[in-house]
Amino acid sequence: SRLANDLQIRLACSGVLWDGYSGVHSADLVPELMAFGGAKQERLNKEIGDVRARIYRSHLNCTVFPNNSMLTCSGVFKVWNPIDANTTEVWTYAIV
């Protein structure tokens, strides 16, 4: 559909790692986490449709200029606070 194509184009320009379950940092956890993700994916496909479900399982990076950034799949939200010309303080929050 046109909406799906428009959405994919906009997200492709925003910094998207499609179909990536981030947060899997141990090979021992891969089978369990992929099974969980697969079951969740089937439910999301039915509830919100294939395009939105694909966005959910992908890694989106975004910035709200000038000082906010998010990594949705990692569940990270950052606030960048300039202190002076050479120093920036960063506050990092976990989204749960």
N, C-alpha and C. Protein backbone atom coordinates (compact mmCIF):
# COMPACT_ATOMS: atom_id res chain seq x y z
N SER A 1 0.83 -1.18 0.00
CA SER A 1 0.00 0.00 0.00
C SER A 1 0.88 1.25 0.00
N ARG A 2 0.28 2.36 -0.37
CA ARG A 2 1.04 3.62 -0.41
C ARG A 2 1.53 4.01 0.98
N LEU A 3 0.68 3.83 2.01
CA LEU A 3 1.07 4.16 3.38
C LEU A 3 2.27 3.33 3.81
N ALA A 4 2.24 2.05 3.51
CA ALA A 4 3.36 1.18 3.88
C ALA A 4 4.64 1.63 3.19
N ASN A 5 4.56 1.95 1.90
CA ASN A 5 5.74 2.40 1.17
C ASN A 5 6.26 3.72 1.70
N ASP A 6 5.37 4.67 1.96
CA ASP A 6 5.78 5.96 2.51
C ASP A 6 6.44 5.79 3.86
N LEU A 7 5.87 4.94 4.69
CA LEU A 7 6.41 4.69 6.02
C LEU A 7 7.79 4.07 5.93
N GLN A 8 7.96 3.11 5.03
CA GLN A 8 9.26 2.46 4.88
C GLN A 8 10.31 3.45 4.40
N ILE A 9 9.95 4.31 3.48
CA ILE A 9 10.91 5.30 2.97
C ILE A 9 11.32 6.26 4.08
N ARG A 10 10.36 6.77 4.83
CA ARG A 10 10.68 7.71 5.91
C ARG A 10 11.56 7.04 6.96
N LEU A 11 11.24 5.81 7.34
CA LEU A 11 12.02 5.15 8.37
C LEU A 11 13.41 4.76 7.87
N ALA A 12 13.52 4.42 6.59
CA ALA A 12 14.83 4.07 6.05
C ALA A 12 15.78 5.25 6.14
N CYS A 13 15.25 6.45 6.06
CA CYS A 13 16.08 7.65 6.15
C CYS A 13 16.38 8.05 7.59
N SER A 14 15.72 7.43 8.55
CA SER A 14 15.86 7.83 9.94
C SER A 14 16.86 7.00 10.73
N GLY A 15 17.41 5.97 10.17
CA GLY A 15 18.34 5.11 10.87
C GLY A 15 17.66 3.88 11.42
N VAL A 16 17.32 2.94 10.54
CA VAL A 16 16.62 1.74 10.96
C VAL A 16 17.44 0.52 10.61
N LEU A 17 17.60 -0.38 11.56
CA LEU A 17 18.17 -1.69 11.31
C LEU A 17 16.98 -2.65 11.28
N TRP A 18 16.54 -3.00 10.07
CA TRP A 18 15.34 -3.82 9.93
C TRP A 18 15.56 -5.23 10.46
N ASP A 19 14.53 -5.78 11.06
CA ASP A 19 14.48 -7.18 11.49
C ASP A 19 15.61 -7.54 12.44
N GLY A 20 15.99 -6.64 13.29
CA GLY A 20 17.08 -6.90 14.22
C GLY A 20 16.59 -6.90 15.65
N TYR A 21 16.68 -8.04 16.29
CA TYR A 21 16.36 -8.09 17.71
C TYR A 21 17.62 -7.73 18.47
N SER A 22 17.74 -6.50 18.85
CA SER A 22 18.93 -6.10 19.59
C SER A 22 18.78 -6.53 21.04
N GLY A 23 19.87 -6.50 21.74
CA GLY A 23 19.86 -6.90 23.14
C GLY A 23 20.23 -8.35 23.34
N VAL A 24 20.48 -9.09 22.26
CA VAL A 24 20.90 -10.48 22.37
C VAL A 24 22.42 -10.49 22.36
N HIS A 25 23.00 -10.51 23.55
CA HIS A 25 24.45 -10.39 23.66
C HIS A 25 25.13 -11.69 24.05
N SER A 26 24.38 -12.76 24.15
CA SER A 26 24.95 -14.05 24.52
C SER A 26 24.37 -15.12 23.62
N ALA A 27 25.24 -15.93 23.02
CA ALA A 27 24.78 -17.00 22.13
C ALA A 27 23.88 -17.98 22.87
N ASP A 28 24.09 -18.13 24.18
CA ASP A 28 23.26 -19.05 24.96
C ASP A 28 21.80 -18.60 25.01
N LEU A 29 21.56 -17.31 24.89
CA LEU A 29 20.20 -16.77 24.99
C LEU A 29 19.47 -16.71 23.65
N VAL A 30 20.19 -16.88 22.55
CA VAL A 30 19.59 -16.68 21.23
C VAL A 30 18.36 -17.54 20.99
N PRO A 31 18.40 -18.87 21.20
CA PRO A 31 17.20 -19.67 20.91
C PRO A 31 15.97 -19.23 21.71
N GLU A 32 16.16 -18.97 23.00
CA GLU A 32 15.03 -18.57 23.85
C GLU A 32 14.47 -17.20 23.43
N LEU A 33 15.36 -16.25 23.19
CA LEU A 33 14.91 -14.91 22.81
C LEU A 33 14.28 -14.88 21.42
N MET A 34 14.80 -15.67 20.49
CA MET A 34 14.21 -15.72 19.16
C MET A 34 12.84 -16.38 19.19
N ALA A 35 12.66 -17.41 20.04
CA ALA A 35 11.35 -18.04 20.19
C ALA A 35 10.35 -17.03 20.77
N PHE A 36 10.79 -16.28 21.77
CA PHE A 36 9.94 -15.24 22.36
C PHE A 36 9.57 -14.19 21.31
N GLY A 37 10.57 -13.74 20.56
CA GLY A 37 10.34 -12.73 19.52
C GLY A 37 9.43 -13.24 18.42
N GLY A 38 9.58 -14.50 18.03
CA GLY A 38 8.72 -15.08 16.99
C GLY A 38 7.27 -15.14 17.42
N ALA A 39 7.03 -15.57 18.66
CA ALA A 39 5.66 -15.64 19.18
C ALA A 39 5.05 -14.24 19.27
N LYS A 40 5.86 -13.31 19.73
CA LYS A 40 5.39 -11.92 19.84
C LYS A 40 5.09 -11.35 18.45
N GLN A 41 5.93 -11.70 17.48
CA GLN A 41 5.77 -11.22 16.11
C GLN A 41 4.44 -11.68 15.52
N GLU A 42 4.10 -12.94 15.71
CA GLU A 42 2.83 -13.46 15.19
C GLU A 42 1.65 -12.70 15.77
N ARG A 43 1.70 -12.46 17.08
CA ARG A 43 0.62 -11.73 17.75
C ARG A 43 0.52 -10.29 17.22
N LEU A 44 1.69 -9.64 17.06
CA LEU A 44 1.69 -8.27 16.56
C LEU A 44 1.20 -8.18 15.12
N ASN A 45 1.57 -9.15 14.29
CA ASN A 45 1.08 -9.16 12.90
C ASN A 45 -0.44 -9.13 12.87
N LYS A 46 -1.06 -9.92 13.73
CA LYS A 46 -2.53 -9.97 13.78
C LYS A 46 -3.11 -8.68 14.35
N GLU A 47 -2.47 -8.13 15.38
CA GLU A 47 -3.03 -6.98 16.08
C GLU A 47 -2.80 -5.64 15.38
N ILE A 48 -1.61 -5.45 14.82
CA ILE A 48 -1.28 -4.13 14.26
C ILE A 48 -0.85 -4.17 12.80
N GLY A 49 -0.80 -5.35 12.19
CA GLY A 49 -0.44 -5.48 10.78
C GLY A 49 1.06 -5.69 10.59
N ASP A 50 1.39 -6.21 9.41
CA ASP A 50 2.77 -6.60 9.11
C ASP A 50 3.76 -5.45 9.14
N VAL A 51 3.40 -4.30 8.56
CA VAL A 51 4.34 -3.18 8.48
C VAL A 51 4.68 -2.66 9.87
N ARG A 52 3.67 -2.40 10.69
CA ARG A 52 3.94 -1.89 12.03
C ARG A 52 4.65 -2.93 12.89
N ALA A 53 4.31 -4.20 12.70
CA ALA A 53 4.98 -5.25 13.46
C ALA A 53 6.46 -5.32 13.09
N ARG A 54 6.76 -5.12 11.82
CA ARG A 54 8.16 -5.13 11.40
C ARG A 54 8.92 -3.96 12.03
N ILE A 55 8.27 -2.81 12.12
CA ILE A 55 8.90 -1.67 12.78
C ILE A 55 9.20 -2.01 14.23
N TYR A 56 8.26 -2.68 14.89
CA TYR A 56 8.43 -3.02 16.30
C TYR A 56 9.65 -3.90 16.53
N ARG A 57 9.91 -4.84 15.61
CA ARG A 57 11.04 -5.76 15.83
C ARG A 57 12.35 -5.21 15.25
N SER A 58 12.32 -4.01 14.76
CA SER A 58 13.51 -3.41 14.18
C SER A 58 14.12 -2.39 15.14
N HIS A 59 15.34 -2.02 14.85
CA HIS A 59 16.09 -1.10 15.70
C HIS A 59 16.02 0.29 15.08
N LEU A 60 15.32 1.19 15.74
CA LEU A 60 15.17 2.55 15.23
C LEU A 60 16.03 3.51 16.03
N ASN A 61 16.80 4.30 15.35
CA ASN A 61 17.59 5.36 15.97
C ASN A 61 16.97 6.69 15.58
N CYS A 62 16.79 7.56 16.53
CA CYS A 62 16.25 8.87 16.17
C CYS A 62 16.79 9.94 17.11
N THR A 63 16.76 11.16 16.61
CA THR A 63 17.21 12.30 17.38
C THR A 63 16.16 13.39 17.29
N VAL A 64 15.89 14.01 18.41
CA VAL A 64 15.04 15.20 18.45
C VAL A 64 16.01 16.35 18.72
N PHE A 65 16.33 17.10 17.68
CA PHE A 65 17.33 18.15 17.79
C PHE A 65 16.85 19.20 18.79
N PRO A 66 17.69 19.69 19.63
CA PRO A 66 19.14 19.54 19.62
C PRO A 66 19.70 18.55 20.63
N ASN A 67 18.91 18.04 21.56
CA ASN A 67 19.59 17.31 22.63
C ASN A 67 18.90 16.04 23.13
N ASN A 68 18.09 15.39 22.33
CA ASN A 68 17.49 14.13 22.73
C ASN A 68 17.78 13.08 21.68
N SER A 69 18.03 11.85 22.11
CA SER A 69 18.19 10.76 21.16
C SER A 69 17.60 9.49 21.76
N MET A 70 17.18 8.59 20.87
CA MET A 70 16.55 7.35 21.30
C MET A 70 17.04 6.19 20.46
N LEU A 71 17.19 5.06 21.09
CA LEU A 71 17.43 3.79 20.43
C LEU A 71 16.30 2.88 20.91
N THR A 72 15.26 2.76 20.10
CA THR A 72 14.05 2.12 20.60
C THR A 72 14.22 0.65 20.96
N CYS A 73 14.90 -0.11 20.12
CA CYS A 73 15.00 -1.54 20.39
C CYS A 73 15.91 -1.82 21.59
N SER A 74 16.86 -0.95 21.83
CA SER A 74 17.70 -1.09 23.02
C SER A 74 17.02 -0.53 24.25
N GLY A 75 15.96 0.22 24.05
CA GLY A 75 15.24 0.82 25.16
C GLY A 75 16.03 1.92 25.85
N VAL A 76 16.70 2.75 25.05
CA VAL A 76 17.54 3.80 25.60
C VAL A 76 17.05 5.18 25.14
N PHE A 77 16.97 6.10 26.07
CA PHE A 77 16.63 7.50 25.79
C PHE A 77 17.73 8.34 26.41
N LYS A 78 18.29 9.27 25.65
CA LYS A 78 19.39 10.10 26.15
C LYS A 78 19.05 11.58 26.05
N VAL A 79 19.54 12.32 27.02
CA VAL A 79 19.46 13.77 27.00
C VAL A 79 20.89 14.29 27.04
N TRP A 80 21.26 15.09 26.05
CA TRP A 80 22.60 15.64 25.92
C TRP A 80 22.57 17.08 26.41
N ASN A 81 23.33 17.37 27.45
CA ASN A 81 23.34 18.71 28.06
C ASN A 81 24.70 19.37 27.87
N PRO A 82 24.82 20.33 26.96
CA PRO A 82 26.08 21.04 26.80
C PRO A 82 26.40 21.83 28.07
N ILE A 83 27.61 21.65 28.57
CA ILE A 83 28.06 22.37 29.76
C ILE A 83 28.86 23.60 29.35
N ASP A 84 29.81 23.40 28.44
CA ASP A 84 30.58 24.50 27.88
C ASP A 84 31.06 24.06 26.50
N ALA A 85 31.99 24.81 25.91
CA ALA A 85 32.43 24.51 24.54
C ALA A 85 33.09 23.14 24.40
N ASN A 86 33.64 22.60 25.48
CA ASN A 86 34.37 21.34 25.41
C ASN A 86 33.76 20.22 26.24
N THR A 87 32.63 20.45 26.87
CA THR A 87 32.06 19.46 27.79
C THR A 87 30.57 19.27 27.54
N THR A 88 30.16 18.02 27.48
CA THR A 88 28.74 17.69 27.38
C THR A 88 28.42 16.62 28.41
N GLU A 89 27.36 16.85 29.16
CA GLU A 89 26.87 15.88 30.13
C GLU A 89 25.75 15.08 29.45
N VAL A 90 25.79 13.74 29.63
CA VAL A 90 24.77 12.89 29.00
C VAL A 90 24.02 12.14 30.09
N TRP A 91 22.71 12.27 30.07
CA TRP A 91 21.85 11.50 30.97
C TRP A 91 21.24 10.38 30.14
N THR A 92 21.37 9.15 30.62
CA THR A 92 20.83 7.99 29.90
C THR A 92 19.75 7.34 30.73
N TYR A 93 18.61 7.08 30.09
CA TYR A 93 17.47 6.44 30.76
C TYR A 93 17.15 5.13 30.06
N ALA A 94 16.75 4.14 30.83
CA ALA A 94 16.29 2.87 30.26
C ALA A 94 14.78 2.90 30.15
N ILE A 95 14.27 2.54 28.99
CA ILE A 95 12.83 2.47 28.77
C ILE A 95 12.40 1.04 29.05
N VAL A 96 11.51 0.88 30.00
CA VAL A 96 11.05 -0.48 30.34
C VAL A 96 9.56 -0.60 30.16
